[in-house]
Amino acid sequence: MQKILFISTLDSKLDESKYIIKKLGSNNNKLIIFDVGIKKTSSIKSNINRNKLIDYSGLKKKIEKLKEPSKILNIFAIGAKRIINELFKKNKFDIICSIGGGKGTALFSSIIEDLPLSVPKFIITSARPAMISKICEKQNIIVFPTPIDFFGLNSFNKKTLDIYTSSILSIKRSKKLSRS
């Protein structure tokens, strides 16, 4: 059984996230769903939602005044990083993965930077190659680039998501790997 932390902006990647969740949740895997989306969604029940992100950021009053998505995501990053570090210390996940466009990929990169090299990190992204290159220069993330953005599911996206989820599920945790 794998303990997988899946991070997504459920407000903008809902269909794709549902597909990934279905695939990763198979085989008795323990899946923690972490919604870092700006807008509320009730279509998928997440284990960690925007309210918890706001609480952990410590900037509730500031975020209520913001309208610009990138500034909101910057505050979400503060809370998300704290939550991820806490979950890691409590041994709640072995693998961390995400789906994102440009903003989601930048967010994922910033919130996982404290995790040790021994933690497998995956992202499927439609971010520009230059952005992906910068992220890979400073972190060990397995990146699955997509040539098109995600706007719902189609046969091409499903095939790409199948390869992505199969890769995640193929990871076998070694008992010798250190968590520090």
C-alpha atoms as a PDB file:
ATOM      1  CA  MET A   1       0.000   0.000   0.000  1.00  0.00           C
ATOM      2  CA  GLN A   2       1.282   3.416  -0.987  1.00  0.00           C
ATOM      3  CA  LYS A   3       0.559   6.595   0.951  1.00  0.00           C
ATOM      4  CA  ILE A   4       0.094   9.230  -1.737  1.00  0.00           C
ATOM      5  CA  LEU A   5      -0.456  12.961  -1.292  1.00  0.00           C
ATOM      6  CA  PHE A   6      -2.170  14.372  -4.391  1.00  0.00           C
ATOM      7  CA  ILE A   7      -2.192  18.158  -4.804  1.00  0.00           C
ATOM      8  CA  SER A   8      -4.469  19.890  -7.295  1.00  0.00           C
ATOM      9  CA  THR A   9      -6.298  23.090  -8.038  1.00  0.00           C
ATOM     10  CA  LEU A  10      -9.641  21.306  -8.085  1.00  0.00           C
ATOM     11  CA  ASP A  11     -11.398  24.453  -9.261  1.00  0.00           C
ATOM     12  CA  SER A  12      -9.514  24.441 -12.584  1.00  0.00           C
ATOM     13  CA  LYS A  13      -8.374  20.814 -13.006  1.00  0.00           C
ATOM     14  CA  LEU A  14     -11.496  19.037 -11.767  1.00  0.00           C
ATOM     15  CA  ASP A  15     -12.078  16.454 -14.519  1.00  0.00           C
ATOM     16  CA  GLU A  16      -8.408  15.570 -14.758  1.00  0.00           C
ATOM     17  CA  SER A  17      -8.127  15.349 -10.962  1.00  0.00           C
ATOM     18  CA  LYS A  18     -11.111  13.015 -10.735  1.00  0.00           C
ATOM     19  CA  TYR A  19      -9.459  10.762 -13.291  1.00  0.00           C
ATOM     20  CA  ILE A  20      -6.125  10.777 -11.420  1.00  0.00           C
ATOM     21  CA  ILE A  21      -7.834  10.196  -8.059  1.00  0.00           C
ATOM     22  CA  LYS A  22      -9.688   7.188  -9.436  1.00  0.00           C
ATOM     23  CA  LYS A  23      -6.434   5.686 -10.759  1.00  0.00           C
ATOM     24  CA  LEU A  24      -4.312   6.431  -7.683  1.00  0.00           C
ATOM     25  CA  GLY A  25      -7.012   5.317  -5.254  1.00  0.00           C
ATOM     26  CA  SER A  26      -7.003   1.794  -6.640  1.00  0.00           C
ATOM     27  CA  ASN A  27      -4.968  -1.068  -5.165  1.00  0.00           C
ATOM     28  CA  ASN A  28      -5.769  -0.122  -1.563  1.00  0.00           C
ATOM     29  CA  ASN A  29      -3.588   2.963  -1.705  1.00  0.00           C
ATOM     30  CA  LYS A  30      -4.101   5.598   0.964  1.00  0.00           C
ATOM     31  CA  LEU A  31      -4.758   8.808  -0.914  1.00  0.00           C
ATOM     32  CA  ILE A  32      -4.780  12.256   0.660  1.00  0.00           C
ATOM     33  CA  ILE A  33      -6.417  14.854  -1.587  1.00  0.00           C
ATOM     34  CA  PHE A  34      -5.101  18.367  -1.116  1.00  0.00           C
ATOM     35  CA  ASP A  35      -7.078  21.148  -2.848  1.00  0.00           C
ATOM     36  CA  VAL A  36      -5.060  24.314  -3.453  1.00  0.00           C
ATOM     37  CA  GLY A  37      -7.671  25.874  -5.727  1.00  0.00           C
ATOM     38  CA  ILE A  38      -8.716  29.475  -5.283  1.00  0.00           C
ATOM     39  CA  LYS A  39     -12.433  28.822  -5.704  1.00  0.00           C
ATOM     40  CA  LYS A  40     -14.472  26.474  -3.540  1.00  0.00           C
ATOM     41  CA  THR A  41     -15.565  23.222  -5.111  1.00  0.00           C
ATOM     42  CA  SER A  42     -17.787  20.542  -3.667  1.00  0.00           C
ATOM     43  CA  SER A  43     -17.537  18.053  -6.510  1.00  0.00           C
ATOM     44  CA  ILE A  44     -14.625  16.206  -4.871  1.00  0.00           C
ATOM     45  CA  LYS A  45     -14.226  15.895  -1.135  1.00  0.00           C
ATOM     46  CA  SER A  46     -10.686  16.884  -0.316  1.00  0.00           C
ATOM     47  CA  ASN A  47      -8.899  15.945   2.881  1.00  0.00           C
ATOM     48  CA  ILE A  48      -7.221  19.341   2.966  1.00  0.00           C
ATOM     49  CA  ASN A  49      -9.037  22.368   1.560  1.00  0.00           C
ATOM     50  CA  ARG A  50      -8.619  26.093   1.100  1.00  0.00           C
ATOM     51  CA  ASN A  51      -9.925  26.896   4.604  1.00  0.00           C
ATOM     52  CA  LYS A  52      -7.134  24.865   6.170  1.00  0.00           C
ATOM     53  CA  LEU A  53      -4.621  26.515   3.813  1.00  0.00           C
ATOM     54  CA  ILE A  54      -5.788  29.942   4.912  1.00  0.00           C
ATOM     55  CA  ASP A  55      -5.619  28.967   8.594  1.00  0.00           C
ATOM     56  CA  TYR A  56      -2.089  27.605   8.226  1.00  0.00           C
ATOM     57  CA  SER A  57      -0.928  30.676   6.310  1.00  0.00           C
ATOM     58  CA  GLY A  58      -1.802  32.920   9.252  1.00  0.00           C
ATOM     59  CA  LEU A  59      -2.943  35.601   6.807  1.00  0.00           C
ATOM     60  CA  LYS A  60      -6.736  35.237   6.817  1.00  0.00           C
ATOM     61  CA  LYS A  61      -7.462  38.961   6.988  1.00  0.00           C
ATOM     62  CA  LYS A  62      -5.036  39.737   4.167  1.00  0.00           C
ATOM     63  CA  ILE A  63      -6.384  37.062   1.832  1.00  0.00           C
ATOM     64  CA  GLU A  64      -9.971  38.278   2.178  1.00  0.00           C
ATOM     65  CA  LYS A  65      -8.940  41.552   0.495  1.00  0.00           C
ATOM     66  CA  LEU A  66      -7.085  39.985  -2.442  1.00  0.00           C
ATOM     67  CA  LYS A  67      -8.614  39.508  -5.881  1.00  0.00           C
ATOM     68  CA  GLU A  68      -5.568  38.596  -7.987  1.00  0.00           C
ATOM     69  CA  PRO A  69      -5.108  34.779  -8.274  1.00  0.00           C
ATOM     70  CA  SER A  70      -1.297  34.854  -8.209  1.00  0.00           C
ATOM     71  CA  LYS A  71      -1.273  36.798  -4.925  1.00  0.00           C
ATOM     72  CA  ILE A  72      -3.810  34.416  -3.387  1.00  0.00           C
ATOM     73  CA  LEU A  73      -1.685  31.446  -4.475  1.00  0.00           C
ATOM     74  CA  ASN A  74       1.370  33.041  -2.841  1.00  0.00           C
ATOM     75  CA  ILE A  75      -0.478  33.051   0.474  1.00  0.00           C
ATOM     76  CA  PHE A  76      -1.765  29.520  -0.136  1.00  0.00           C
ATOM     77  CA  ALA A  77       1.864  28.464  -0.671  1.00  0.00           C
ATOM     78  CA  ILE A  78       2.743  29.544   2.881  1.00  0.00           C
ATOM     79  CA  GLY A  79      -0.022  27.420   4.388  1.00  0.00           C
ATOM     80  CA  ALA A  80       0.507  24.491   2.002  1.00  0.00           C
ATOM     81  CA  LYS A  81       4.202  24.287   2.774  1.00  0.00           C
ATOM     82  CA  ARG A  82       3.497  24.184   6.509  1.00  0.00           C
ATOM     83  CA  ILE A  83       0.849  21.485   6.052  1.00  0.00           C
ATOM     84  CA  ILE A  84       3.090  19.346   3.828  1.00  0.00           C
ATOM     85  CA  ASN A  85       6.003  19.563   6.246  1.00  0.00           C
ATOM     86  CA  GLU A  86       3.705  18.587   9.127  1.00  0.00           C
ATOM     87  CA  LEU A  87       2.256  15.644   7.176  1.00  0.00           C
ATOM     88  CA  PHE A  88       5.745  14.477   6.262  1.00  0.00           C
ATOM     89  CA  LYS A  89       6.943  14.586   9.875  1.00  0.00           C
ATOM     90  CA  LYS A  90       3.901  12.496  10.851  1.00  0.00           C
ATOM     91  CA  ASN A  91       4.732   9.939   8.111  1.00  0.00           C
ATOM     92  CA  LYS A  92       1.374  10.512   6.358  1.00  0.00           C
ATOM     93  CA  PHE A  93       2.712  10.134   2.796  1.00  0.00           C
ATOM     94  CA  ASP A  94       5.466   8.347   0.880  1.00  0.00           C
ATOM     95  CA  ILE A  95       4.869   9.946  -2.520  1.00  0.00           C
ATOM     96  CA  ILE A  96       3.729  13.440  -3.432  1.00  0.00           C
ATOM     97  CA  CYS A  97       2.232  14.302  -6.807  1.00  0.00           C
ATOM     98  CA  SER A  98       0.356  17.072  -8.538  1.00  0.00           C
ATOM     99  CA  ILE A  99      -1.234  18.353 -11.723  1.00  0.00           C
ATOM    100  CA  GLY A 100      -0.850  21.933 -12.832  1.00  0.00           C
ATOM    101  CA  GLY A 101      -0.583  24.565 -15.463  1.00  0.00           C
ATOM    102  CA  GLY A 102       1.944  27.357 -15.035  1.00  0.00           C
ATOM    103  CA  LYS A 103       0.638  28.695 -11.713  1.00  0.00           C
ATOM    104  CA  GLY A 104      -0.047  25.245 -10.254  1.00  0.00           C
ATOM    105  CA  THR A 105       3.421  24.027 -11.202  1.00  0.00           C
ATOM    106  CA  ALA A 106       5.084  27.066  -9.635  1.00  0.00           C
ATOM    107  CA  LEU A 107       3.009  26.535  -6.483  1.00  0.00           C
ATOM    108  CA  PHE A 108       3.903  22.826  -6.302  1.00  0.00           C
ATOM    109  CA  SER A 109       7.590  23.604  -6.747  1.00  0.00           C
ATOM    110  CA  SER A 110       7.572  26.145  -3.927  1.00  0.00           C
ATOM    111  CA  ILE A 111       5.664  24.019  -1.410  1.00  0.00           C
ATOM    112  CA  ILE A 112       7.782  20.863  -1.740  1.00  0.00           C
ATOM    113  CA  GLU A 113      11.208  22.460  -1.539  1.00  0.00           C
ATOM    114  CA  ASP A 114      11.795  21.395   2.091  1.00  0.00           C
ATOM    115  CA  LEU A 115      11.149  17.707   1.418  1.00  0.00           C
ATOM    116  CA  PRO A 116      14.208  15.439   1.308  1.00  0.00           C
ATOM    117  CA  LEU A 117      15.531  13.999  -1.945  1.00  0.00           C
ATOM    118  CA  SER A 118      14.324  10.527  -0.926  1.00  0.00           C
ATOM    119  CA  VAL A 119      10.656  11.524  -1.324  1.00  0.00           C
ATOM    120  CA  PRO A 120       9.384  10.780  -4.858  1.00  0.00           C
ATOM    121  CA  LYS A 121       7.813  13.907  -6.349  1.00  0.00           C
ATOM    122  CA  PHE A 122       5.750  13.873  -9.547  1.00  0.00           C
ATOM    123  CA  ILE A 123       3.953  16.534 -11.545  1.00  0.00           C
ATOM    124  CA  ILE A 124       2.082  16.477 -14.811  1.00  0.00           C
ATOM    125  CA  THR A 125       2.098  19.953 -16.265  1.00  0.00           C
ATOM    126  CA  SER A 126       1.337  22.093 -19.256  1.00  0.00           C
ATOM    127  CA  ALA A 127       3.796  24.757 -18.070  1.00  0.00           C
ATOM    128  CA  ARG A 128       6.242  26.212 -20.572  1.00  0.00           C
ATOM    129  CA  PRO A 129       9.511  24.275 -21.045  1.00  0.00           C
ATOM    130  CA  ALA A 130      11.557  27.230 -19.738  1.00  0.00           C
ATOM    131  CA  MET A 131       9.642  27.138 -16.454  1.00  0.00           C
ATOM    132  CA  ILE A 132       9.988  23.368 -16.155  1.00  0.00           C
ATOM    133  CA  SER A 133      13.724  23.667 -16.791  1.00  0.00           C
ATOM    134  CA  LYS A 134      14.157  26.226 -13.989  1.00  0.00           C
ATOM    135  CA  ILE A 135      12.249  24.032 -11.540  1.00  0.00           C
ATOM    136  CA  CYS A 136      14.258  20.934 -12.440  1.00  0.00           C
ATOM    137  CA  GLU A 137      17.533  22.819 -11.950  1.00  0.00           C
ATOM    138  CA  LYS A 138      16.888  23.173  -8.227  1.00  0.00           C
ATOM    139  CA  GLN A 139      14.636  20.240  -7.291  1.00  0.00           C
ATOM    140  CA  ASN A 140      14.291  16.536  -7.906  1.00  0.00           C
ATOM    141  CA  ILE A 141      10.841  16.339  -9.476  1.00  0.00           C
ATOM    142  CA  ILE A 142       9.771  13.799 -12.051  1.00  0.00           C
ATOM    143  CA  VAL A 143       8.024  15.961 -14.637  1.00  0.00           C
ATOM    144  CA  PHE A 144       5.481  14.780 -17.186  1.00  0.00           C
ATOM    145  CA  PRO A 145       5.106  17.646 -19.653  1.00  0.00           C
ATOM    146  CA  THR A 146       2.009  17.809 -21.828  1.00  0.00           C
ATOM    147  CA  PRO A 147       2.030  19.567 -25.181  1.00  0.00           C
ATOM    148  CA  ILE A 148      -1.496  20.890 -24.639  1.00  0.00           C
ATOM    149  CA  ASP A 149      -3.228  22.459 -21.670  1.00  0.00           C
ATOM    150  CA  PHE A 150      -5.869  20.530 -19.784  1.00  0.00           C
ATOM    151  CA  PHE A 151      -9.400  21.617 -20.611  1.00  0.00           C
ATOM    152  CA  GLY A 152     -11.288  18.490 -19.675  1.00  0.00           C
ATOM    153  CA  LEU A 153     -10.660  14.903 -20.656  1.00  0.00           C
ATOM    154  CA  ASN A 154     -10.138  13.505 -24.124  1.00  0.00           C
ATOM    155  CA  SER A 155      -8.429  10.382 -25.449  1.00  0.00           C
ATOM    156  CA  PHE A 156      -5.037  12.116 -25.638  1.00  0.00           C
ATOM    157  CA  ASN A 157      -5.222  13.480 -22.083  1.00  0.00           C
ATOM    158  CA  LYS A 158      -6.420  10.137 -20.711  1.00  0.00           C
ATOM    159  CA  LYS A 159      -3.455   8.341 -22.275  1.00  0.00           C
ATOM    160  CA  THR A 160      -1.064  10.915 -20.816  1.00  0.00           C
ATOM    161  CA  LEU A 161      -2.733  10.676 -17.385  1.00  0.00           C
ATOM    162  CA  ASP A 162      -2.571   6.861 -17.551  1.00  0.00           C
ATOM    163  CA  ILE A 163       1.190   6.993 -18.104  1.00  0.00           C
ATOM    164  CA  TYR A 164       1.540   9.511 -15.271  1.00  0.00           C
ATOM    165  CA  THR A 165      -0.488   7.514 -12.744  1.00  0.00           C
ATOM    166  CA  SER A 166       1.138   4.211 -13.765  1.00  0.00           C
ATOM    167  CA  SER A 167       4.544   5.742 -13.100  1.00  0.00           C
ATOM    168  CA  ILE A 168       3.483   6.907  -9.648  1.00  0.00           C
ATOM    169  CA  LEU A 169       1.990   3.533  -8.782  1.00  0.00           C
ATOM    170  CA  SER A 170       5.137   1.730  -9.935  1.00  0.00           C
ATOM    171  CA  ILE A 171       7.233   3.310  -7.172  1.00  0.00           C
ATOM    172  CA  LYS A 172       8.104   0.831  -4.463  1.00  0.00           C
ATOM    173  CA  ARG A 173       9.274   2.356  -1.201  1.00  0.00           C
ATOM    174  CA  SER A 174      12.489   0.920   0.107  1.00  0.00           C
ATOM    175  CA  LYS A 175      12.552   0.399   3.831  1.00  0.00           C
ATOM    176  CA  LYS A 176      16.193   1.505   3.675  1.00  0.00           C
ATOM    177  CA  LEU A 177      15.346   5.019   2.449  1.00  0.00           C
ATOM    178  CA  SER A 178      15.688   7.596   5.133  1.00  0.00           C
ATOM    179  CA  ARG A 179      12.854  10.037   5.809  1.00  0.00           C
ATOM    180  CA  SER A 180      15.296  12.760   6.833  1.00  0.00           C
END
